[in-house]
PDB file of N, CA and C in Angstrom:
ATOM      1  N   MET A   1     -16.677  36.659 -16.707  1.00  0.00           N
ATOM      2  CA  MET A   1     -16.063  35.956 -17.861  1.00  0.00           C
ATOM      3  C   MET A   1     -16.737  36.419 -19.130  1.00  0.00           C
ATOM      4  N   PHE A   2     -17.772  35.779 -19.654  1.00  0.00           N
ATOM      5  CA  PHE A   2     -18.506  36.132 -20.756  1.00  0.00           C
ATOM      6  C   PHE A   2     -19.983  35.632 -20.548  1.00  0.00           C
ATOM      7  N   TYR A   3     -20.882  36.312 -21.335  1.00  0.00           N
ATOM      8  CA  TYR A   3     -22.298  36.051 -21.104  1.00  0.00           C
ATOM      9  C   TYR A   3     -22.820  35.176 -22.130  1.00  0.00           C
ATOM     10  N   LEU A   4     -23.436  34.177 -21.732  1.00  0.00           N
ATOM     11  CA  LEU A   4     -24.072  33.093 -22.832  1.00  0.00           C
ATOM     12  C   LEU A   4     -25.585  33.320 -22.768  1.00  0.00           C
ATOM     13  N   GLY A   5     -26.027  34.433 -22.331  1.00  0.00           N
ATOM     14  CA  GLY A   5     -27.586  34.476 -22.416  1.00  0.00           C
ATOM     15  C   GLY A   5     -28.276  33.771 -21.451  1.00  0.00           C
ATOM     16  N   VAL A   6     -29.305  32.890 -21.829  1.00  0.00           N
ATOM     17  CA  VAL A   6     -30.113  32.122 -20.953  1.00  0.00           C
ATOM     18  C   VAL A   6     -29.661  30.843 -20.787  1.00  0.00           C
ATOM     19  N   VAL A   7     -28.418  30.499 -21.393  1.00  0.00           N
ATOM     20  CA  VAL A   7     -27.719  29.240 -21.206  1.00  0.00           C
ATOM     21  C   VAL A   7     -27.060  29.228 -19.862  1.00  0.00           C
ATOM     22  N   SER A   8     -27.382  28.260 -18.919  1.00  0.00           N
ATOM     23  CA  SER A   8     -26.758  28.129 -17.598  1.00  0.00           C
ATOM     24  C   SER A   8     -26.670  26.784 -17.014  1.00  0.00           C
ATOM     25  N   GLY A   9     -25.951  26.583 -16.080  1.00  0.00           N
ATOM     26  CA  GLY A   9     -25.898  25.207 -15.437  1.00  0.00           C
ATOM     27  C   GLY A   9     -25.359  24.132 -16.243  1.00  0.00           C
ATOM     28  N   PRO A  10     -25.933  23.123 -16.262  1.00  0.00           N
ATOM     29  CA  PRO A  10     -25.468  21.901 -16.981  1.00  0.00           C
ATOM     30  C   PRO A  10     -25.364  22.077 -18.571  1.00  0.00           C
ATOM     31  N   GLN A  11     -26.106  23.060 -18.968  1.00  0.00           N
ATOM     32  CA  GLN A  11     -26.102  23.366 -20.460  1.00  0.00           C
ATOM     33  C   GLN A  11     -24.697  23.988 -20.826  1.00  0.00           C
ATOM     34  N   VAL A  12     -24.119  24.800 -19.947  1.00  0.00           N
ATOM     35  CA  VAL A  12     -22.812  25.261 -20.263  1.00  0.00           C
ATOM     36  C   VAL A  12     -21.754  24.104 -20.276  1.00  0.00           C
ATOM     37  N   LEU A  13     -21.870  23.292 -19.296  1.00  0.00           N
ATOM     38  CA  LEU A  13     -20.901  22.156 -19.151  1.00  0.00           C
ATOM     39  C   LEU A  13     -21.004  21.367 -20.517  1.00  0.00           C
ATOM     40  N   ILE A  14     -22.069  21.044 -20.937  1.00  0.00           N
ATOM     41  CA  ILE A  14     -22.444  20.402 -22.254  1.00  0.00           C
ATOM     42  C   ILE A  14     -21.699  20.990 -23.328  1.00  0.00           C
ATOM     43  N   ILE A  15     -21.962  22.302 -23.422  1.00  0.00           N
ATOM     44  CA  ILE A  15     -21.419  23.140 -24.567  1.00  0.00           C
ATOM     45  C   ILE A  15     -19.913  23.041 -24.536  1.00  0.00           C
ATOM     46  N   VAL A  16     -19.321  23.230 -23.347  1.00  0.00           N
ATOM     47  CA  VAL A  16     -17.837  23.217 -23.215  1.00  0.00           C
ATOM     48  C   VAL A  16     -17.393  21.867 -23.600  1.00  0.00           C
ATOM     49  N   LEU A  17     -18.022  20.771 -23.110  1.00  0.00           N
ATOM     50  CA  LEU A  17     -17.539  19.399 -23.364  1.00  0.00           C
ATOM     51  C   LEU A  17     -17.526  19.131 -24.863  1.00  0.00           C
ATOM     52  N   VAL A  18     -18.507  19.539 -25.495  1.00  0.00           N
ATOM     53  CA  VAL A  18     -18.672  19.263 -27.095  1.00  0.00           C
ATOM     54  C   VAL A  18     -17.527  20.202 -27.711  1.00  0.00           C
ATOM     55  N   ILE A  19     -17.328  21.420 -27.182  1.00  0.00           N
ATOM     56  CA  ILE A  19     -16.054  22.190 -27.879  1.00  0.00           C
ATOM     57  C   ILE A  19     -14.812  21.449 -27.546  1.00  0.00           C
ATOM     58  N   VAL A  20     -14.577  20.965 -26.511  1.00  0.00           N
ATOM     59  CA  VAL A  20     -13.323  20.285 -26.168  1.00  0.00           C
ATOM     60  C   VAL A  20     -13.254  19.003 -27.039  1.00  0.00           C
ATOM     61  N   VAL A  21     -14.345  18.294 -27.196  1.00  0.00           N
ATOM     62  CA  VAL A  21     -14.177  17.108 -28.091  1.00  0.00           C
ATOM     63  C   VAL A  21     -13.966  17.474 -29.655  1.00  0.00           C
ATOM     64  N   LEU A  22     -14.532  18.484 -29.985  1.00  0.00           N
ATOM     65  CA  LEU A  22     -14.322  18.943 -31.438  1.00  0.00           C
ATOM     66  C   LEU A  22     -12.738  19.479 -31.574  1.00  0.00           C
ATOM     67  N   PHE A  23     -12.418  20.268 -30.497  1.00  0.00           N
ATOM     68  CA  PHE A  23     -11.102  20.705 -30.607  1.00  0.00           C
ATOM     69  C   PHE A  23      -9.934  19.756 -30.558  1.00  0.00           C
ATOM     70  N   PHE A  24     -10.001  18.805 -29.574  1.00  0.00           N
ATOM     71  CA  PHE A  24      -8.966  17.886 -29.387  1.00  0.00           C
ATOM     72  C   PHE A  24      -9.114  16.569 -30.083  1.00  0.00           C
ATOM     73  N   GLY A  25     -10.395  16.162 -30.312  1.00  0.00           N
ATOM     74  CA  GLY A  25     -10.776  14.896 -30.963  1.00  0.00           C
ATOM     75  C   GLY A  25     -10.872  13.845 -29.778  1.00  0.00           C
ATOM     76  N   GLY A  26     -11.478  12.721 -30.115  1.00  0.00           N
ATOM     77  CA  GLY A  26     -11.888  11.644 -29.099  1.00  0.00           C
ATOM     78  C   GLY A  26     -10.683  10.976 -28.636  1.00  0.00           C
ATOM     79  N   LYS A  27      -9.741  10.731 -29.378  1.00  0.00           N
ATOM     80  CA  LYS A  27      -8.620   9.928 -29.048  1.00  0.00           C
ATOM     81  C   LYS A  27      -7.649  10.607 -28.040  1.00  0.00           C
ATOM     82  N   LYS A  28      -7.616  11.948 -28.107  1.00  0.00           N
ATOM     83  CA  LYS A  28      -6.648  12.721 -27.301  1.00  0.00           C
ATOM     84  C   LYS A  28      -7.155  12.979 -25.901  1.00  0.00           C
ATOM     85  N   ILE A  29      -8.411  12.953 -25.703  1.00  0.00           N
ATOM     86  CA  ILE A  29      -8.970  13.421 -24.475  1.00  0.00           C
ATOM     87  C   ILE A  29      -8.540  12.378 -23.389  1.00  0.00           C
ATOM     88  N   PRO A  30      -8.540  11.207 -23.468  1.00  0.00           N
ATOM     89  CA  PRO A  30      -7.911  10.295 -22.329  1.00  0.00           C
ATOM     90  C   PRO A  30      -6.449  10.688 -21.813  1.00  0.00           C
ATOM     91  N   GLU A  31      -5.671  11.071 -22.912  1.00  0.00           N
ATOM     92  CA  GLU A  31      -4.348  11.453 -22.527  1.00  0.00           C
ATOM     93  C   GLU A  31      -4.390  12.811 -21.841  1.00  0.00           C
ATOM     94  N   LEU A  32      -5.203  13.814 -22.226  1.00  0.00           N
ATOM     95  CA  LEU A  32      -5.352  15.020 -21.597  1.00  0.00           C
ATOM     96  C   LEU A  32      -5.828  14.791 -20.021  1.00  0.00           C
ATOM     97  N   MET A  33      -6.827  13.996 -19.833  1.00  0.00           N
ATOM     98  CA  MET A  33      -7.355  13.883 -18.538  1.00  0.00           C
ATOM     99  C   MET A  33      -6.366  13.092 -17.582  1.00  0.00           C
ATOM    100  N   LYS A  34      -5.482  12.061 -18.179  1.00  0.00           N
ATOM    101  CA  LYS A  34      -4.491  11.493 -17.334  1.00  0.00           C
ATOM    102  C   LYS A  34      -3.393  12.540 -16.955  1.00  0.00           C
ATOM    103  N   GLY A  35      -3.064  13.370 -17.872  1.00  0.00           N
ATOM    104  CA  GLY A  35      -2.169  14.326 -17.415  1.00  0.00           C
ATOM    105  C   GLY A  35      -2.779  15.383 -16.355  1.00  0.00           C
ATOM    106  N   LEU A  36      -4.006  15.787 -16.659  1.00  0.00           N
ATOM    107  CA  LEU A  36      -4.721  16.550 -15.661  1.00  0.00           C
ATOM    108  C   LEU A  36      -4.726  15.920 -14.285  1.00  0.00           C
ATOM    109  N   GLY A  37      -5.116  14.576 -14.296  1.00  0.00           N
ATOM    110  CA  GLY A  37      -5.191  13.958 -12.734  1.00  0.00           C
ATOM    111  C   GLY A  37      -3.884  13.857 -12.195  1.00  0.00           C
ATOM    112  N   LYS A  38      -2.725  13.622 -13.002  1.00  0.00           N
ATOM    113  CA  LYS A  38      -1.442  13.632 -12.417  1.00  0.00           C
ATOM    114  C   LYS A  38      -1.012  14.995 -11.836  1.00  0.00           C
ATOM    115  N   GLY A  39      -1.408  16.063 -12.530  1.00  0.00           N
ATOM    116  CA  GLY A  39      -1.263  17.373 -12.036  1.00  0.00           C
ATOM    117  C   GLY A  39      -1.978  17.700 -10.776  1.00  0.00           C
ATOM    118  N   VAL A  40      -3.312  17.223 -10.672  1.00  0.00           N
ATOM    119  CA  VAL A  40      -4.114  17.439  -9.466  1.00  0.00           C
ATOM    120  C   VAL A  40      -3.556  16.715  -8.331  1.00  0.00           C
ATOM    121  N   ASN A  41      -3.035  15.444  -8.625  1.00  0.00           N
ATOM    122  CA  ASN A  41      -2.465  14.661  -7.549  1.00  0.00           C
ATOM    123  C   ASN A  41      -1.157  15.370  -7.031  1.00  0.00           C
ATOM    124  N   GLU A  42      -0.337  15.849  -7.854  1.00  0.00           N
ATOM    125  CA  GLU A  42       0.886  16.450  -7.388  1.00  0.00           C
ATOM    126  C   GLU A  42       0.731  17.718  -6.564  1.00  0.00           C
ATOM    127  N   PHE A  43      -0.428  18.433  -6.964  1.00  0.00           N
ATOM    128  CA  PHE A  43      -0.774  19.680  -6.340  1.00  0.00           C
ATOM    129  C   PHE A  43      -1.301  19.288  -4.823  1.00  0.00           C
ATOM    130  N   LYS A  44      -2.045  18.203  -4.769  1.00  0.00           N
ATOM    131  CA  LYS A  44      -2.623  17.924  -3.473  1.00  0.00           C
ATOM    132  C   LYS A  44      -1.471  17.396  -2.610  1.00  0.00           C
ATOM    133  N   ASN A  45      -0.556  16.590  -3.168  1.00  0.00           N
ATOM    134  CA  ASN A  45       0.601  16.282  -2.275  1.00  0.00           C
ATOM    135  C   ASN A  45       1.388  17.315  -1.871  1.00  0.00           C
ATOM    136  N   ALA A  46       1.653  18.317  -2.826  1.00  0.00           N
ATOM    137  CA  ALA A  46       2.457  19.409  -2.456  1.00  0.00           C
ATOM    138  C   ALA A  46       1.788  20.213  -1.331  1.00  0.00           C
ATOM    139  N   SER A  47       0.476  20.359  -1.480  1.00  0.00           N
ATOM    140  CA  SER A  47      -0.221  21.129  -0.449  1.00  0.00           C
ATOM    141  C   SER A  47      -0.190  20.659   0.986  1.00  0.00           C
ATOM    142  N   LYS A  48      -0.233  19.123   0.978  1.00  0.00           N
ATOM    143  CA  LYS A  48      -0.132  18.479   2.179  1.00  0.00           C
ATOM    144  C   LYS A  48       1.265  18.550   2.701  1.00  0.00           C
ATOM    145  N   GLY A  49       2.302  18.682   1.942  1.00  0.00           N
ATOM    146  CA  GLY A  49       3.644  18.630   2.379  1.00  0.00           C
ATOM    147  C   GLY A  49       4.294  17.222   2.066  1.00  0.00           C
ATOM    148  N   ASP A  50       3.468  16.423   1.551  1.00  0.00           N
ATOM    149  CA  ASP A  50       3.992  15.043   1.179  1.00  0.00           C
ATOM    150  C   ASP A  50       5.021  15.084   0.073  1.00  0.00           C
ATOM    151  N   GLN A  51       6.177  14.496   0.216  1.00  0.00           N
ATOM    152  CA  GLN A  51       7.188  14.441  -0.983  1.00  0.00           C
ATOM    153  C   GLN A  51       7.402  13.123  -1.186  1.00  0.00           C
ATOM    154  N   THR A  52       6.875  12.683  -2.286  1.00  0.00           N
ATOM    155  CA  THR A  52       7.075  11.343  -2.952  1.00  0.00           C
ATOM    156  C   THR A  52       7.672  11.422  -4.273  1.00  0.00           C
ATOM    157  N   ASP A  53       8.450  10.266  -4.661  1.00  0.00           N
ATOM    158  CA  ASP A  53       8.951  10.269  -6.033  1.00  0.00           C
ATOM    159  C   ASP A  53       7.986   9.594  -6.929  1.00  0.00           C
ATOM    160  N   GLU A  54       8.283   9.348  -8.204  1.00  0.00           N
ATOM    161  CA  GLU A  54       7.358   8.799  -9.177  1.00  0.00           C
ATOM    162  C   GLU A  54       6.962   7.411  -8.814  1.00  0.00           C
ATOM    163  N   ASN A  55       7.779   6.659  -7.974  1.00  0.00           N
ATOM    164  CA  ASN A  55       7.414   5.290  -7.636  1.00  0.00           C
ATOM    165  C   ASN A  55       6.475   5.097  -6.439  1.00  0.00           C
ATOM    166  N   GLY A  56       6.249   6.414  -5.804  1.00  0.00           N
ATOM    167  CA  GLY A  56       5.374   6.395  -4.527  1.00  0.00           C
ATOM    168  C   GLY A  56       6.108   6.125  -3.261  1.00  0.00           C
ATOM    169  N   ALA A  57       7.435   6.031  -3.380  1.00  0.00           N
ATOM    170  CA  ALA A  57       8.208   5.985  -2.068  1.00  0.00           C
ATOM    171  C   ALA A  57       8.490   7.502  -1.630  1.00  0.00           C
ATOM    172  N   SER A  58       8.340   7.633  -0.218  1.00  0.00           N
ATOM    173  CA  SER A  58       8.571   8.989   0.220  1.00  0.00           C
ATOM    174  C   SER A  58       9.952   9.353   0.206  1.00  0.00           C
ATOM    175  N   VAL A  59      10.418  10.595   0.378  1.00  0.00           N
ATOM    176  CA  VAL A  59      11.566  11.128   0.281  1.00  0.00           C
ATOM    177  C   VAL A  59      12.302  10.719   1.564  1.00  0.00           C
ATOM    178  N   GLU A  60      11.472  10.773   2.829  1.00  0.00           N
ATOM    179  CA  GLU A  60      12.081  10.455   4.021  1.00  0.00           C
ATOM    180  C   GLU A  60      12.582   9.010   4.045  1.00  0.00           C
ATOM    181  N   ASP A  61      11.855   7.960   3.347  1.00  0.00           N
ATOM    182  CA  ASP A  61      12.223   6.676   3.307  1.00  0.00           C
ATOM    183  C   ASP A  61      13.627   6.403   2.569  1.00  0.00           C
ATOM    184  N   GLN A  62      13.645   7.277   1.480  1.00  0.00           N
ATOM    185  CA  GLN A  62      14.944   7.307   0.632  1.00  0.00           C
ATOM    186  C   GLN A  62      16.107   7.703   1.380  1.00  0.00           C
ATOM    187  N   GLU A  63      15.935   8.584   2.237  1.00  0.00           N
ATOM    188  CA  GLU A  63      17.064   9.420   2.859  1.00  0.00           C
ATOM    189  C   GLU A  63      17.560   8.383   3.936  1.00  0.00           C
ATOM    190  N   SER A  64      16.674   7.587   4.592  1.00  0.00           N
ATOM    191  CA  SER A  64      17.030   6.705   5.756  1.00  0.00           C
ATOM    192  C   SER A  64      17.710   5.539   5.196  1.00  0.00           C
ATOM    193  N   LYS A  65      17.743   5.260   3.917  1.00  0.00           N
ATOM    194  CA  LYS A  65      18.443   4.020   3.487  1.00  0.00           C
ATOM    195  C   LYS A  65      19.856   4.283   3.232  1.00  0.00           C
TER     196      LYS A  65
END
């Protein structure tokens, strides 16, 4: 990726978080994290083979009705 010299480990994480806060602002970060969380959950469900709609009902349950 890129070389940050002697900065490593938690220091890099802190630097990245500060840049994100400066770039997006404090009010926008919860919305970004919420979207990221939904994306991660969708990915996990897709990798498991679970198919649910937005309300949490499985596709199989809806087809049987």
